[in-house]
Each structure stands twice: as structure tokens, then as C-alpha cells.
Amino acid sequence: MMNARLIQQMQARMLKMQEELANQRVEASAGGGAVIVVATGQQKIESIKISPEAIDPDDPTMLEDLVLAAVNEALDKSRELVAQQLSALTGGIKIPGLM
């Protein structure tokens, strides 16, 4: 069983990791770069850039699909970043409730 000091150290490292994740960015694109999404390591969308060529008033569904694909990819990359950070923090041990 973990002692109190070890738990406090783990909590301090978790807080530091959360701060670091807030400052880390991942980028994803769809449609060959027509839509670019940037997300933080805390799964927050920071920006969405849409090239003018991707905007077709006659086909809004295509743009919606591109935005959706880029957002989902950015969030997947953000979750992967968190998983890598957690793995480094826990030494690869999976702790229920952390991820």
C-alpha cells in the first residue's frame, strides 16, 4: 500500500503534468489542410482555421464533415498526449480513474 508521502508526491506530479498539458498543443487537419484544428493537452479546442477554398455555399455538408474530422483527430491526438504523459508519470502502471 502506498504511504502518504508517496501519494503526495504523485499528486504534485499530476498537478504539474496538468499545467504542462494546458500549455501543450496538437494540430490536426482534414481535406489536405483545408481545415486545421489546434487543441490543448486538456482536450480544449484552441483554434479552427478554414481555407477559403473549403467554403462552398452549395455544399455546406462537405465543410461540416471536414471540420468534424479535424476536430476529432485533434482530440484523439490530445488524448494520446495525455496517455503518454500519464504513462511516463506512473511508470506504465495503469491506475483506474486516471485515464
N, C-alpha and C. Protein backbone atom coordinates (compact mmCIF):
# COMPACT_ATOMS: atom_id res chain seq x y z
N MET A 1 0.85 -1.19 0.00
CA MET A 1 0.00 0.00 0.00
C MET A 1 0.89 1.24 0.00
N MET A 2 0.48 2.24 -0.76
CA MET A 2 1.26 3.48 -0.86
C MET A 2 1.19 4.26 0.44
N ASN A 3 2.33 4.83 0.82
CA ASN A 3 2.29 5.67 2.01
C ASN A 3 1.88 7.09 1.64
N ALA A 4 1.56 7.89 2.65
CA ALA A 4 1.03 9.24 2.42
C ALA A 4 2.01 10.12 1.65
N ARG A 5 3.29 9.99 1.94
CA ARG A 5 4.30 10.82 1.27
C ARG A 5 4.33 10.50 -0.24
N LEU A 6 4.27 9.23 -0.57
CA LEU A 6 4.28 8.82 -1.96
C LEU A 6 3.05 9.35 -2.70
N ILE A 7 1.92 9.30 -2.02
CA ILE A 7 0.68 9.80 -2.62
C ILE A 7 0.78 11.31 -2.84
N GLN A 8 1.34 12.05 -1.89
CA GLN A 8 1.52 13.50 -2.04
C GLN A 8 2.45 13.81 -3.21
N GLN A 9 3.51 13.04 -3.35
CA GLN A 9 4.43 13.24 -4.47
C GLN A 9 3.72 13.00 -5.80
N MET A 10 2.92 11.95 -5.85
CA MET A 10 2.18 11.63 -7.07
C MET A 10 1.19 12.76 -7.40
N GLN A 11 0.51 13.28 -6.38
CA GLN A 11 -0.44 14.38 -6.60
C GLN A 11 0.28 15.62 -7.12
N ALA A 12 1.43 15.92 -6.56
CA ALA A 12 2.20 17.08 -7.01
C ALA A 12 2.63 16.91 -8.47
N ARG A 13 3.05 15.70 -8.82
CA ARG A 13 3.45 15.45 -10.21
C ARG A 13 2.24 15.53 -11.15
N MET A 14 1.08 15.07 -10.68
CA MET A 14 -0.14 15.16 -11.50
C MET A 14 -0.51 16.62 -11.76
N LEU A 15 -0.43 17.45 -10.73
CA LEU A 15 -0.74 18.88 -10.91
C LEU A 15 0.22 19.52 -11.89
N LYS A 16 1.50 19.20 -11.77
CA LYS A 16 2.50 19.74 -12.69
C LYS A 16 2.21 19.27 -14.12
N MET A 17 1.85 18.00 -14.27
CA MET A 17 1.54 17.46 -15.58
C MET A 17 0.33 18.17 -16.18
N GLN A 18 -0.70 18.43 -15.37
CA GLN A 18 -1.88 19.13 -15.86
C GLN A 18 -1.54 20.54 -16.34
N GLU A 19 -0.66 21.22 -15.62
CA GLU A 19 -0.22 22.55 -16.03
C GLU A 19 0.54 22.48 -17.35
N GLU A 20 1.41 21.48 -17.47
CA GLU A 20 2.17 21.31 -18.70
C GLU A 20 1.24 20.99 -19.88
N LEU A 21 0.25 20.14 -19.64
CA LEU A 21 -0.69 19.78 -20.71
C LEU A 21 -1.49 20.99 -21.19
N ALA A 22 -1.78 21.91 -20.28
CA ALA A 22 -2.52 23.11 -20.66
C ALA A 22 -1.71 23.95 -21.65
N ASN A 23 -0.39 23.83 -21.58
CA ASN A 23 0.48 24.62 -22.46
C ASN A 23 0.93 23.87 -23.71
N GLN A 24 0.57 22.61 -23.83
CA GLN A 24 0.97 21.84 -25.00
C GLN A 24 -0.15 21.85 -26.03
N ARG A 25 0.25 21.83 -27.29
CA ARG A 25 -0.71 21.90 -28.40
C ARG A 25 -0.51 20.72 -29.34
N VAL A 26 -1.62 20.28 -29.92
CA VAL A 26 -1.58 19.30 -31.00
C VAL A 26 -2.37 19.90 -32.16
N GLU A 27 -2.00 19.49 -33.36
CA GLU A 27 -2.66 20.02 -34.55
C GLU A 27 -3.12 18.88 -35.42
N ALA A 28 -4.28 19.06 -36.01
CA ALA A 28 -4.83 18.06 -36.93
C ALA A 28 -5.45 18.79 -38.10
N SER A 29 -5.48 18.10 -39.24
CA SER A 29 -6.07 18.73 -40.41
C SER A 29 -6.92 17.72 -41.17
N ALA A 30 -7.76 18.27 -42.03
CA ALA A 30 -8.61 17.43 -42.89
C ALA A 30 -8.69 18.12 -44.24
N GLY A 31 -8.98 17.32 -45.25
CA GLY A 31 -9.12 17.87 -46.59
C GLY A 31 -7.82 18.43 -47.13
N GLY A 32 -6.71 17.75 -46.82
CA GLY A 32 -5.42 18.21 -47.32
C GLY A 32 -5.01 19.56 -46.76
N GLY A 33 -5.43 19.86 -45.54
CA GLY A 33 -5.09 21.13 -44.91
C GLY A 33 -6.14 22.20 -45.09
N ALA A 34 -7.28 21.85 -45.68
CA ALA A 34 -8.36 22.82 -45.86
C ALA A 34 -8.94 23.27 -44.52
N VAL A 35 -8.92 22.36 -43.54
CA VAL A 35 -9.37 22.68 -42.19
C VAL A 35 -8.26 22.25 -41.23
N ILE A 36 -7.83 23.18 -40.39
CA ILE A 36 -6.78 22.89 -39.40
C ILE A 36 -7.33 23.22 -38.02
N VAL A 37 -7.19 22.26 -37.10
CA VAL A 37 -7.68 22.43 -35.74
C VAL A 37 -6.50 22.27 -34.78
N VAL A 38 -6.43 23.18 -33.81
CA VAL A 38 -5.42 23.11 -32.76
C VAL A 38 -6.14 22.88 -31.44
N ALA A 39 -5.67 21.89 -30.67
CA ALA A 39 -6.25 21.58 -29.36
C ALA A 39 -5.14 21.58 -28.33
N THR A 40 -5.52 21.83 -27.08
CA THR A 40 -4.56 21.77 -25.99
C THR A 40 -4.47 20.34 -25.47
N GLY A 41 -3.52 20.11 -24.59
CA GLY A 41 -3.39 18.82 -23.94
C GLY A 41 -4.51 18.55 -22.96
N GLN A 42 -5.39 19.53 -22.77
CA GLN A 42 -6.54 19.34 -21.89
C GLN A 42 -7.83 19.16 -22.68
N GLN A 43 -7.68 18.72 -23.94
CA GLN A 43 -8.80 18.46 -24.84
C GLN A 43 -9.70 19.67 -25.05
N LYS A 44 -9.11 20.85 -25.13
CA LYS A 44 -9.87 22.06 -25.44
C LYS A 44 -9.45 22.52 -26.83
N ILE A 45 -10.42 22.82 -27.66
CA ILE A 45 -10.13 23.31 -29.00
C ILE A 45 -9.69 24.76 -28.86
N GLU A 46 -8.51 25.04 -29.38
CA GLU A 46 -7.96 26.39 -29.27
C GLU A 46 -8.23 27.22 -30.52
N SER A 47 -8.17 26.58 -31.68
CA SER A 47 -8.45 27.33 -32.90
C SER A 47 -8.88 26.38 -34.02
N ILE A 48 -9.63 26.96 -34.94
CA ILE A 48 -10.03 26.26 -36.16
C ILE A 48 -9.77 27.23 -37.31
N LYS A 49 -8.99 26.77 -38.27
CA LYS A 49 -8.71 27.58 -39.46
C LYS A 49 -9.33 26.87 -40.67
N ILE A 50 -10.04 27.63 -41.47
CA ILE A 50 -10.70 27.08 -42.65
C ILE A 50 -10.22 27.88 -43.86
N SER A 51 -9.66 27.17 -44.82
CA SER A 51 -9.20 27.87 -46.03
C SER A 51 -10.42 28.30 -46.85
N PRO A 52 -10.33 29.43 -47.51
CA PRO A 52 -11.45 29.91 -48.32
C PRO A 52 -11.91 28.90 -49.38
N GLU A 53 -10.98 28.11 -49.88
CA GLU A 53 -11.33 27.12 -50.91
C GLU A 53 -12.26 26.04 -50.37
N ALA A 54 -12.27 25.85 -49.06
CA ALA A 54 -13.10 24.80 -48.45
C ALA A 54 -14.55 25.26 -48.28
N ILE A 55 -14.79 26.55 -48.48
CA ILE A 55 -16.13 27.09 -48.26
C ILE A 55 -16.90 27.10 -49.58
N ASP A 56 -17.79 26.14 -49.71
CA ASP A 56 -18.63 26.03 -50.90
C ASP A 56 -20.08 26.20 -50.45
N PRO A 57 -20.68 27.37 -50.76
CA PRO A 57 -22.05 27.61 -50.31
C PRO A 57 -23.05 26.57 -50.82
N ASP A 58 -22.70 25.90 -51.90
CA ASP A 58 -23.60 24.88 -52.44
C ASP A 58 -23.44 23.52 -51.77
N ASP A 59 -22.38 23.38 -50.94
CA ASP A 59 -22.12 22.09 -50.29
C ASP A 59 -21.63 22.29 -48.85
N PRO A 60 -22.47 22.82 -47.98
CA PRO A 60 -22.05 23.05 -46.60
C PRO A 60 -21.74 21.75 -45.86
N THR A 61 -22.34 20.65 -46.28
CA THR A 61 -22.11 19.36 -45.62
C THR A 61 -20.65 18.95 -45.72
N MET A 62 -20.01 19.24 -46.85
CA MET A 62 -18.60 18.88 -47.01
C MET A 62 -17.75 19.61 -45.96
N LEU A 63 -17.99 20.89 -45.78
CA LEU A 63 -17.22 21.66 -44.79
C LEU A 63 -17.50 21.16 -43.39
N GLU A 64 -18.75 20.86 -43.10
CA GLU A 64 -19.10 20.31 -41.79
C GLU A 64 -18.33 19.02 -41.53
N ASP A 65 -18.28 18.15 -42.54
CA ASP A 65 -17.56 16.88 -42.39
C ASP A 65 -16.07 17.09 -42.17
N LEU A 66 -15.49 18.06 -42.89
CA LEU A 66 -14.06 18.34 -42.73
C LEU A 66 -13.76 18.87 -41.33
N VAL A 67 -14.60 19.79 -40.85
CA VAL A 67 -14.41 20.34 -39.50
C VAL A 67 -14.54 19.23 -38.47
N LEU A 68 -15.56 18.42 -38.61
CA LEU A 68 -15.77 17.32 -37.67
C LEU A 68 -14.59 16.36 -37.66
N ALA A 69 -14.09 16.00 -38.83
CA ALA A 69 -12.96 15.08 -38.92
C ALA A 69 -11.71 15.68 -38.27
N ALA A 70 -11.44 16.96 -38.53
CA ALA A 70 -10.25 17.60 -37.98
C ALA A 70 -10.36 17.75 -36.46
N VAL A 71 -11.54 18.10 -35.96
CA VAL A 71 -11.74 18.23 -34.51
C VAL A 71 -11.55 16.88 -33.83
N ASN A 72 -12.15 15.83 -34.38
CA ASN A 72 -12.00 14.51 -33.77
C ASN A 72 -10.55 14.04 -33.78
N GLU A 73 -9.83 14.31 -34.86
CA GLU A 73 -8.42 13.92 -34.92
C GLU A 73 -7.61 14.71 -33.89
N ALA A 74 -7.88 15.99 -33.74
CA ALA A 74 -7.16 16.81 -32.76
C ALA A 74 -7.42 16.30 -31.34
N LEU A 75 -8.67 15.96 -31.05
CA LEU A 75 -8.99 15.44 -29.72
C LEU A 75 -8.34 14.09 -29.49
N ASP A 76 -8.29 13.23 -30.52
CA ASP A 76 -7.60 11.95 -30.40
C ASP A 76 -6.11 12.16 -30.10
N LYS A 77 -5.49 13.10 -30.81
CA LYS A 77 -4.08 13.38 -30.58
C LYS A 77 -3.86 13.93 -29.17
N SER A 78 -4.78 14.76 -28.71
CA SER A 78 -4.67 15.31 -27.36
C SER A 78 -4.77 14.20 -26.31
N ARG A 79 -5.70 13.27 -26.52
CA ARG A 79 -5.82 12.14 -25.58
C ARG A 79 -4.58 11.26 -25.60
N GLU A 80 -3.99 11.07 -26.79
CA GLU A 80 -2.75 10.30 -26.89
C GLU A 80 -1.63 10.99 -26.11
N LEU A 81 -1.57 12.31 -26.21
CA LEU A 81 -0.57 13.07 -25.48
C LEU A 81 -0.74 12.87 -23.98
N VAL A 82 -1.97 12.93 -23.50
CA VAL A 82 -2.25 12.72 -22.08
C VAL A 82 -1.84 11.31 -21.67
N ALA A 83 -2.17 10.33 -22.49
CA ALA A 83 -1.83 8.93 -22.17
C ALA A 83 -0.31 8.76 -22.07
N GLN A 84 0.43 9.39 -22.98
CA GLN A 84 1.89 9.32 -22.93
C GLN A 84 2.43 9.95 -21.65
N GLN A 85 1.88 11.11 -21.31
CA GLN A 85 2.32 11.80 -20.09
C GLN A 85 2.00 10.97 -18.85
N LEU A 86 0.80 10.40 -18.81
CA LEU A 86 0.42 9.58 -17.66
C LEU A 86 1.28 8.34 -17.56
N SER A 87 1.57 7.74 -18.70
CA SER A 87 2.41 6.55 -18.69
C SER A 87 3.80 6.87 -18.14
N ALA A 88 4.34 8.01 -18.54
CA ALA A 88 5.65 8.42 -18.02
C ALA A 88 5.57 8.69 -16.52
N LEU A 89 4.46 9.28 -16.09
CA LEU A 89 4.29 9.62 -14.67
C LEU A 89 4.14 8.38 -13.80
N THR A 90 3.39 7.40 -14.30
CA THR A 90 3.09 6.22 -13.48
C THR A 90 4.04 5.05 -13.77
N GLY A 91 4.99 5.27 -14.64
CA GLY A 91 5.91 4.20 -14.99
C GLY A 91 5.23 3.10 -15.77
N GLY A 92 4.19 3.44 -16.50
CA GLY A 92 3.48 2.46 -17.32
C GLY A 92 2.41 1.68 -16.59
N ILE A 93 2.29 1.92 -15.29
CA ILE A 93 1.26 1.23 -14.50
C ILE A 93 -0.07 1.92 -14.75
N LYS A 94 -1.08 1.15 -15.12
CA LYS A 94 -2.41 1.71 -15.36
C LYS A 94 -3.14 1.84 -14.03
N ILE A 95 -3.49 3.07 -13.70
CA ILE A 95 -4.20 3.34 -12.44
C ILE A 95 -5.65 3.67 -12.78
N PRO A 96 -6.60 2.88 -12.28
CA PRO A 96 -8.00 3.13 -12.59
C PRO A 96 -8.41 4.56 -12.22
N GLY A 97 -9.18 5.17 -13.10
CA GLY A 97 -9.67 6.52 -12.84
C GLY A 97 -8.79 7.63 -13.37
N LEU A 98 -7.56 7.31 -13.75
CA LEU A 98 -6.66 8.34 -14.29
C LEU A 98 -6.84 8.53 -15.77
N MET A 99 -7.28 7.49 -16.45
CA MET A 99 -7.42 7.59 -17.91
C MET A 99 -8.46 6.65 -18.39
